[in-house]
Structures are given as C-alpha cells and as structure tokens.
Amino acid sequence: FSRGVCDWKQDADDDFDWNPADRDRGDGYYMA
C-alpha cells in the first residue's frame, strides 16, 4: 500500500472501509 503500483478500490456496496494504519517500524502503512 505504501509504494505499490497496483490499483486498489474500496467496495462501495459493503458496510465499512479499510483504512491505512501506520506500521510499527514507521516505514509506511498497511490496511486495517
């Protein structure tokens, strides 16, 4: 998610979104 080249989309028909969360090491983020 931090530096990837892929196309990510949130589903509009679901109940909630995934959100970025900071990695413990502080180098970018993951989705949570």
ModelCIF file with pLDDT and N, C-alpha, C, O atoms, coordinates in Angstrom:
data_MODEL
#
_entry.id   MODEL 
#
_entity.id                         1 
_entity.type                       polymer 
_entity.pdbx_number_of_molecules   1 
#
_entity_poly.entity_id                      1 
_entity_poly.type                           'polypeptide(L)' 
_entity_poly.nstd_linkage                   no 
_entity_poly.nstd_monomer                   no 
_entity_poly.pdbx_seq_one_letter_code       FSRGVCDWKQDADDDFDWNPADRDRGDGYYMA 
_entity_poly.pdbx_seq_one_letter_code_can   FSRGVCDWKQDADDDFDWNPADRDRGDGYYMA 
_entity_poly.pdbx_strand_id                 A 
#
loop_
_entity_poly_seq.entity_id 
_entity_poly_seq.num 
_entity_poly_seq.mon_id 
_entity_poly_seq.hetero 
1 1  PHE n 
1 2  SER n 
1 3  ARG n 
1 4  GLY n 
1 5  VAL n 
1 6  CYS n 
1 7  ASP n 
1 8  TRP n 
1 9  LYS n 
1 10 GLN n 
1 11 ASP n 
1 12 ALA n 
1 13 ASP n 
1 14 ASP n 
1 15 ASP n 
1 16 PHE n 
1 17 ASP n 
1 18 TRP n 
1 19 ASN n 
1 20 PRO n 
1 21 ALA n 
1 22 ASP n 
1 23 ARG n 
1 24 ASP n 
1 25 ARG n 
1 26 GLY n 
1 27 ASP n 
1 28 GLY n 
1 29 TYR n 
1 30 TYR n 
1 31 MET n 
1 32 ALA n 
#
_struct_asym.id          A 
_struct_asym.entity_id   1 
#
loop_
_ma_qa_metric.id 
_ma_qa_metric.mode 
_ma_qa_metric.name 
_ma_qa_metric.software_group_id 
_ma_qa_metric.type 
1 global pLDDT . pLDDT 
2 local  pLDDT . pLDDT 
#
_ma_qa_metric_global.metric_id      1 
_ma_qa_metric_global.metric_value   89.22 
_ma_qa_metric_global.model_id       1 
_ma_qa_metric_global.ordinal_id     1 
#
loop_
_ma_qa_metric_local.label_asym_id 
_ma_qa_metric_local.label_comp_id 
_ma_qa_metric_local.label_seq_id 
_ma_qa_metric_local.metric_id 
_ma_qa_metric_local.metric_value 
_ma_qa_metric_local.model_id 
_ma_qa_metric_local.ordinal_id 
A PHE 1  2 88.00 1 1  
A SER 2  2 81.00 1 2  
A ARG 3  2 75.00 1 3  
A GLY 4  2 77.00 1 4  
A VAL 5  2 79.00 1 5  
A CYS 6  2 88.00 1 6  
A ASP 7  2 90.00 1 7  
A TRP 8  2 94.00 1 8  
A LYS 9  2 94.00 1 9  
A GLN 10 2 95.00 1 10 
A ASP 11 2 93.00 1 11 
A ALA 12 2 92.00 1 12 
A ASP 13 2 93.00 1 13 
A ASP 14 2 95.00 1 14 
A ASP 15 2 95.00 1 15 
A PHE 16 2 95.00 1 16 
A ASP 17 2 95.00 1 17 
A TRP 18 2 96.00 1 18 
A ASN 19 2 94.00 1 19 
A PRO 20 2 94.00 1 20 
A ALA 21 2 93.00 1 21 
A ASP 22 2 91.00 1 22 
A ARG 23 2 87.00 1 23 
A ASP 24 2 81.00 1 24 
A ARG 25 2 78.00 1 25 
A GLY 26 2 77.00 1 26 
A ASP 27 2 81.00 1 27 
A GLY 28 2 85.00 1 28 
A TYR 29 2 92.00 1 29 
A TYR 30 2 95.00 1 30 
A MET 31 2 96.00 1 31 
A ALA 32 2 96.00 1 32 
#
loop_
_atom_site.group_PDB 
_atom_site.id 
_atom_site.type_symbol 
_atom_site.label_atom_id 
_atom_site.label_alt_id 
_atom_site.label_comp_id 
_atom_site.label_asym_id 
_atom_site.label_entity_id 
_atom_site.label_seq_id 
_atom_site.pdbx_PDB_ins_code 
_atom_site.Cartn_x 
_atom_site.Cartn_y 
_atom_site.Cartn_z 
_atom_site.occupancy 
_atom_site.B_iso_or_equiv 
_atom_site.pdbx_formal_charge 
_atom_site.auth_seq_id 
_atom_site.auth_comp_id 
_atom_site.auth_asym_id 
_atom_site.auth_atom_id 
_atom_site.pdbx_PDB_model_num 
ATOM 1   N N  . PHE A 1 1  ? 0.802   -1.218 0.000  1.00 88.00 ? 1  PHE A N  1 
ATOM 2   C CA . PHE A 1 1  ? 0.000   0.000  0.000  1.00 88.00 ? 1  PHE A CA 1 
ATOM 3   C C  . PHE A 1 1  ? 0.836   1.269  0.000  1.00 88.00 ? 1  PHE A C  1 
ATOM 4   O O  . PHE A 1 1  ? 0.398   2.285  -0.540 1.00 88.00 ? 1  PHE A O  1 
ATOM 5   N N  . SER A 1 2  ? 2.027   1.242  0.590  1.00 81.00 ? 2  SER A N  1 
ATOM 6   C CA . SER A 1 2  ? 2.818   2.462  0.710  1.00 81.00 ? 2  SER A CA 1 
ATOM 7   C C  . SER A 1 2  ? 3.432   2.884  -0.619 1.00 81.00 ? 2  SER A C  1 
ATOM 8   O O  . SER A 1 2  ? 3.426   4.065  -0.965 1.00 81.00 ? 2  SER A O  1 
ATOM 9   N N  . ARG A 1 3  ? 3.962   1.914  -1.362 1.00 75.00 ? 3  ARG A N  1 
ATOM 10  C CA . ARG A 1 3  ? 4.682   2.301  -2.588 1.00 75.00 ? 3  ARG A CA 1 
ATOM 11  C C  . ARG A 1 3  ? 4.341   1.379  -3.741 1.00 75.00 ? 3  ARG A C  1 
ATOM 12  O O  . ARG A 1 3  ? 5.056   1.338  -4.742 1.00 75.00 ? 3  ARG A O  1 
ATOM 13  N N  . GLY A 1 4  ? 3.263   0.649  -3.606 1.00 77.00 ? 4  GLY A N  1 
ATOM 14  C CA . GLY A 1 4  ? 2.900   -0.316 -4.639 1.00 77.00 ? 4  GLY A CA 1 
ATOM 15  C C  . GLY A 1 4  ? 2.391   0.355  -5.906 1.00 77.00 ? 4  GLY A C  1 
ATOM 16  O O  . GLY A 1 4  ? 2.047   1.536  -5.909 1.00 77.00 ? 4  GLY A O  1 
ATOM 17  N N  . VAL A 1 5  ? 2.352   -0.417 -6.972 1.00 79.00 ? 5  VAL A N  1 
ATOM 18  C CA . VAL A 1 5  ? 1.953   0.113  -8.267 1.00 79.00 ? 5  VAL A CA 1 
ATOM 19  C C  . VAL A 1 5  ? 0.575   -0.395 -8.669 1.00 79.00 ? 5  VAL A C  1 
ATOM 20  O O  . VAL A 1 5  ? 0.144   -0.185 -9.803 1.00 79.00 ? 5  VAL A O  1 
ATOM 21  N N  . CYS A 1 6  ? -0.123  -1.064 -7.745 1.00 88.00 ? 6  CYS A N  1 
ATOM 22  C CA . CYS A 1 6  ? -1.382  -1.705 -8.097 1.00 88.00 ? 6  CYS A CA 1 
ATOM 23  C C  . CYS A 1 6  ? -2.574  -0.798 -7.836 1.00 88.00 ? 6  CYS A C  1 
ATOM 24  O O  . CYS A 1 6  ? -2.481  0.206  -7.130 1.00 88.00 ? 6  CYS A O  1 
ATOM 25  N N  . ASP A 1 7  ? -3.682  -1.180 -8.422 1.00 90.00 ? 7  ASP A N  1 
ATOM 26  C CA . ASP A 1 7  ? -4.905  -0.406 -8.341 1.00 90.00 ? 7  ASP A CA 1 
ATOM 27  C C  . ASP A 1 7  ? -5.831  -1.012 -7.284 1.00 90.00 ? 7  ASP A C  1 
ATOM 28  O O  . ASP A 1 7  ? -6.421  -2.069 -7.508 1.00 90.00 ? 7  ASP A O  1 
ATOM 29  N N  . TRP A 1 8  ? -5.959  -0.348 -6.137 1.00 94.00 ? 8  TRP A N  1 
ATOM 30  C CA . TRP A 1 8  ? -6.807  -0.809 -5.038 1.00 94.00 ? 8  TRP A CA 1 
ATOM 31  C C  . TRP A 1 8  ? -8.077  0.023  -4.991 1.00 94.00 ? 8  TRP A C  1 
ATOM 32  O O  . TRP A 1 8  ? -8.030  1.240  -5.172 1.00 94.00 ? 8  TRP A O  1 
ATOM 33  N N  . LYS A 1 9  ? -9.219  -0.626 -4.749 1.00 94.00 ? 9  LYS A N  1 
ATOM 34  C CA . LYS A 1 9  ? -10.502 0.085  -4.666 1.00 94.00 ? 9  LYS A CA 1 
ATOM 35  C C  . LYS A 1 9  ? -11.275 -0.401 -3.442 1.00 94.00 ? 9  LYS A C  1 
ATOM 36  O O  . LYS A 1 9  ? -11.281 -1.591 -3.127 1.00 94.00 ? 9  LYS A O  1 
ATOM 37  N N  . GLN A 1 10 ? -11.930 0.548  -2.755 1.00 95.00 ? 10 GLN A N  1 
ATOM 38  C CA . GLN A 1 10 ? -12.858 0.181  -1.688 1.00 95.00 ? 10 GLN A CA 1 
ATOM 39  C C  . GLN A 1 10 ? -14.164 -0.232 -2.357 1.00 95.00 ? 10 GLN A C  1 
ATOM 40  O O  . GLN A 1 10 ? -14.591 0.393  -3.327 1.00 95.00 ? 10 GLN A O  1 
ATOM 41  N N  . ASP A 1 11 ? -14.794 -1.275 -1.846 1.00 93.00 ? 11 ASP A N  1 
ATOM 42  C CA . ASP A 1 11 ? -16.097 -1.704 -2.366 1.00 93.00 ? 11 ASP A CA 1 
ATOM 43  C C  . ASP A 1 11 ? -17.153 -0.716 -1.885 1.00 93.00 ? 11 ASP A C  1 
ATOM 44  O O  . ASP A 1 11 ? -17.224 -0.416 -0.693 1.00 93.00 ? 11 ASP A O  1 
ATOM 45  N N  . ALA A 1 12 ? -17.968 -0.211 -2.798 1.00 92.00 ? 12 ALA A N  1 
ATOM 46  C CA . ALA A 1 12 ? -18.995 0.773  -2.424 1.00 92.00 ? 12 ALA A CA 1 
ATOM 47  C C  . ALA A 1 12 ? -20.234 0.113  -1.805 1.00 92.00 ? 12 ALA A C  1 
ATOM 48  O O  . ALA A 1 12 ? -21.030 0.785  -1.150 1.00 92.00 ? 12 ALA A O  1 
ATOM 49  N N  . ASP A 1 13 ? -20.399 -1.199 -2.010 1.00 93.00 ? 13 ASP A N  1 
ATOM 50  C CA . ASP A 1 13 ? -21.617 -1.877 -1.537 1.00 93.00 ? 13 ASP A CA 1 
ATOM 51  C C  . ASP A 1 13 ? -21.430 -2.620 -0.217 1.00 93.00 ? 13 ASP A C  1 
ATOM 52  O O  . ASP A 1 13 ? -22.292 -3.410 0.170  1.00 93.00 ? 13 ASP A O  1 
ATOM 53  N N  . ASP A 1 14 ? -20.321 -2.381 0.480  1.00 95.00 ? 14 ASP A N  1 
ATOM 54  C CA . ASP A 1 14 ? -20.105 -3.087 1.743  1.00 95.00 ? 14 ASP A CA 1 
ATOM 55  C C  . ASP A 1 14 ? -20.504 -2.186 2.919  1.00 95.00 ? 14 ASP A C  1 
ATOM 56  O O  . ASP A 1 14 ? -21.100 -1.129 2.715  1.00 95.00 ? 14 ASP A O  1 
ATOM 57  N N  . ASP A 1 15 ? -20.177 -2.603 4.143  1.00 95.00 ? 15 ASP A N  1 
ATOM 58  C CA . ASP A 1 15 ? -20.624 -1.892 5.336  1.00 95.00 ? 15 ASP A CA 1 
ATOM 59  C C  . ASP A 1 15 ? -19.616 -0.878 5.871  1.00 95.00 ? 15 ASP A C  1 
ATOM 60  O O  . ASP A 1 15 ? -20.005 0.090  6.525  1.00 95.00 ? 15 ASP A O  1 
ATOM 61  N N  . PHE A 1 16 ? -18.338 -1.085 5.605  1.00 95.00 ? 16 PHE A N  1 
ATOM 62  C CA . PHE A 1 16 ? -17.314 -0.149 6.087  1.00 95.00 ? 16 PHE A CA 1 
ATOM 63  C C  . PHE A 1 16 ? -16.078 -0.247 5.203  1.00 95.00 ? 16 PHE A C  1 
ATOM 64  O O  . PHE A 1 16 ? -15.921 -1.208 4.448  1.00 95.00 ? 16 PHE A O  1 
ATOM 65  N N  . ASP A 1 17 ? -15.203 0.747  5.297  1.00 95.00 ? 17 ASP A N  1 
ATOM 66  C CA . ASP A 1 17 ? -13.965 0.787  4.521  1.00 95.00 ? 17 ASP A CA 1 
ATOM 67  C C  . ASP A 1 17 ? -12.790 0.267  5.329  1.00 95.00 ? 17 ASP A C  1 
ATOM 68  O O  . ASP A 1 17 ? -12.790 0.307  6.560  1.00 95.00 ? 17 ASP A O  1 
ATOM 69  N N  . TRP A 1 18 ? -11.799 -0.218 4.616  1.00 96.00 ? 18 TRP A N  1 
ATOM 70  C CA . TRP A 1 18 ? -10.492 -0.489 5.201  1.00 96.00 ? 18 TRP A CA 1 
ATOM 71  C C  . TRP A 1 18 ? -9.777  0.856  5.289  1.00 96.00 ? 18 TRP A C  1 
ATOM 72  O O  . TRP A 1 18 ? -9.999  1.728  4.449  1.00 96.00 ? 18 TRP A O  1 
ATOM 73  N N  . ASN A 1 19 ? -8.930  1.032  6.287  1.00 94.00 ? 19 ASN A N  1 
ATOM 74  C CA . ASN A 1 19 ? -8.211  2.294  6.433  1.00 94.00 ? 19 ASN A CA 1 
ATOM 75  C C  . ASN A 1 19 ? -6.716  2.069  6.613  1.00 94.00 ? 19 ASN A C  1 
ATOM 76  O O  . ASN A 1 19 ? -6.287  1.046  7.145  1.00 94.00 ? 19 ASN A O  1 
ATOM 77  N N  . PRO A 1 20 ? -5.925  3.049  6.157  1.00 94.00 ? 20 PRO A N  1 
ATOM 78  C CA . PRO A 1 20 ? -4.475  2.928  6.360  1.00 94.00 ? 20 PRO A CA 1 
ATOM 79  C C  . PRO A 1 20 ? -4.145  3.008  7.849  1.00 94.00 ? 20 PRO A C  1 
ATOM 80  O O  . PRO A 1 20 ? -4.747  3.789  8.586  1.00 94.00 ? 20 PRO A O  1 
ATOM 81  N N  . ALA A 1 21 ? -3.182  2.191  8.284  1.00 93.00 ? 21 ALA A N  1 
ATOM 82  C CA . ALA A 1 21 ? -2.682  2.231  9.659  1.00 93.00 ? 21 ALA A CA 1 
ATOM 83  C C  . ALA A 1 21 ? -1.161  2.255  9.590  1.00 93.00 ? 21 ALA A C  1 
ATOM 84  O O  . ALA A 1 21 ? -0.565  1.567  8.762  1.00 93.00 ? 21 ALA A O  1 
ATOM 85  N N  . ASP A 1 22 ? -0.537  3.039  10.450 1.00 91.00 ? 22 ASP A N  1 
ATOM 86  C CA . ASP A 1 22 ? 0.923   3.163  10.423 1.00 91.00 ? 22 ASP A CA 1 
ATOM 87  C C  . ASP A 1 22 ? 1.590   1.891  10.908 1.00 91.00 ? 22 ASP A C  1 
ATOM 88  O O  . ASP A 1 22 ? 1.166   1.284  11.891 1.00 91.00 ? 22 ASP A O  1 
ATOM 89  N N  . ARG A 1 23 ? 2.639   1.497  10.205 1.00 87.00 ? 23 ARG A N  1 
ATOM 90  C CA . ARG A 1 23 ? 3.421   0.338  10.633 1.00 87.00 ? 23 ARG A CA 1 
ATOM 91  C C  . ARG A 1 23 ? 4.194   0.685  11.898 1.00 87.00 ? 23 ARG A C  1 
ATOM 92  O O  . ARG A 1 23 ? 4.567   1.837  12.120 1.00 87.00 ? 23 ARG A O  1 
ATOM 93  N N  . ASP A 1 24 ? 4.426   -0.333 12.723 1.00 81.00 ? 24 ASP A N  1 
ATOM 94  C CA . ASP A 1 24 ? 5.182   -0.128 13.968 1.00 81.00 ? 24 ASP A CA 1 
ATOM 95  C C  . ASP A 1 24 ? 6.569   0.433  13.688 1.00 81.00 ? 24 ASP A C  1 
ATOM 96  O O  . ASP A 1 24 ? 7.079   1.262  14.441 1.00 81.00 ? 24 ASP A O  1 
ATOM 97  N N  . ARG A 1 25 ? 7.168   -0.023 12.608 1.00 78.00 ? 25 ARG A N  1 
ATOM 98  C CA . ARG A 1 25 ? 8.533   0.415  12.274 1.00 78.00 ? 25 ARG A CA 1 
ATOM 99  C C  . ARG A 1 25 ? 8.550   1.826  11.700 1.00 78.00 ? 25 ARG A C  1 
ATOM 100 O O  . ARG A 1 25 ? 9.615   2.419  11.535 1.00 78.00 ? 25 ARG A O  1 
ATOM 101 N N  . GLY A 1 26 ? 7.375   2.360  11.397 1.00 77.00 ? 26 GLY A N  1 
ATOM 102 C CA . GLY A 1 26 ? 7.303   3.722  10.881 1.00 77.00 ? 26 GLY A CA 1 
ATOM 103 C C  . GLY A 1 26 ? 7.626   3.851  9.407  1.00 77.00 ? 26 GLY A C  1 
ATOM 104 O O  . GLY A 1 26 ? 7.745   4.972  8.913  1.00 77.00 ? 26 GLY A O  1 
ATOM 105 N N  . ASP A 1 27 ? 7.776   2.734  8.672  1.00 81.00 ? 27 ASP A N  1 
ATOM 106 C CA . ASP A 1 27 ? 8.105   2.829  7.246  1.00 81.00 ? 27 ASP A CA 1 
ATOM 107 C C  . ASP A 1 27 ? 6.862   2.520  6.412  1.00 81.00 ? 27 ASP A C  1 
ATOM 108 O O  . ASP A 1 27 ? 6.712   1.421  5.878  1.00 81.00 ? 27 ASP A O  1 
ATOM 109 N N  . GLY A 1 28 ? 5.990   3.496  6.315  1.00 85.00 ? 28 GLY A N  1 
ATOM 110 C CA . GLY A 1 28 ? 4.791   3.310  5.503  1.00 85.00 ? 28 GLY A CA 1 
ATOM 111 C C  . GLY A 1 28 ? 3.619   2.806  6.322  1.00 85.00 ? 28 GLY A C  1 
ATOM 112 O O  . GLY A 1 28 ? 3.590   2.948  7.545  1.00 85.00 ? 28 GLY A O  1 
ATOM 113 N N  . TYR A 1 29 ? 2.657   2.215  5.634  1.00 92.00 ? 29 TYR A N  1 
ATOM 114 C CA . TYR A 1 29 ? 1.434   1.792  6.307  1.00 92.00 ? 29 TYR A CA 1 
ATOM 115 C C  . TYR A 1 29 ? 0.903   0.501  5.720  1.00 92.00 ? 29 TYR A C  1 
ATOM 116 O O  . TYR A 1 29 ? 1.344   0.044  4.666  1.00 92.00 ? 29 TYR A O  1 
ATOM 117 N N  . TYR A 1 30 ? -0.060  -0.079 6.434  1.00 95.00 ? 30 TYR A N  1 
ATOM 118 C CA . TYR A 1 30 ? -0.786  -1.261 5.965  1.00 95.00 ? 30 TYR A CA 1 
ATOM 119 C C  . TYR A 1 30 ? -2.266  -0.912 6.005  1.00 95.00 ? 30 TYR A C  1 
ATOM 120 O O  . TYR A 1 30 ? -2.640  0.153  6.496  1.00 95.00 ? 30 TYR A O  1 
ATOM 121 N N  . MET A 1 31 ? -3.110  -1.798 5.493  1.00 96.00 ? 31 MET A N  1 
ATOM 122 C CA . MET A 1 31 ? -4.547  -1.542 5.529  1.00 96.00 ? 31 MET A CA 1 
ATOM 123 C C  . MET A 1 31 ? -5.160  -2.367 6.651  1.00 96.00 ? 31 MET A C  1 
ATOM 124 O O  . MET A 1 31 ? -4.815  -3.534 6.840  1.00 96.00 ? 31 MET A O  1 
ATOM 125 N N  . ALA A 1 32 ? -6.084  -1.741 7.399  1.00 96.00 ? 32 ALA A N  1 
ATOM 126 C CA . ALA A 1 32 ? -6.627  -2.396 8.581  1.00 96.00 ? 32 ALA A CA 1 
ATOM 127 C C  . ALA A 1 32 ? -8.095  -2.080 8.784  1.00 96.00 ? 32 ALA A C  1 
ATOM 128 O O  . ALA A 1 32 ? -8.703  -2.558 9.741  1.00 96.00 ? 32 ALA A O  1 
#
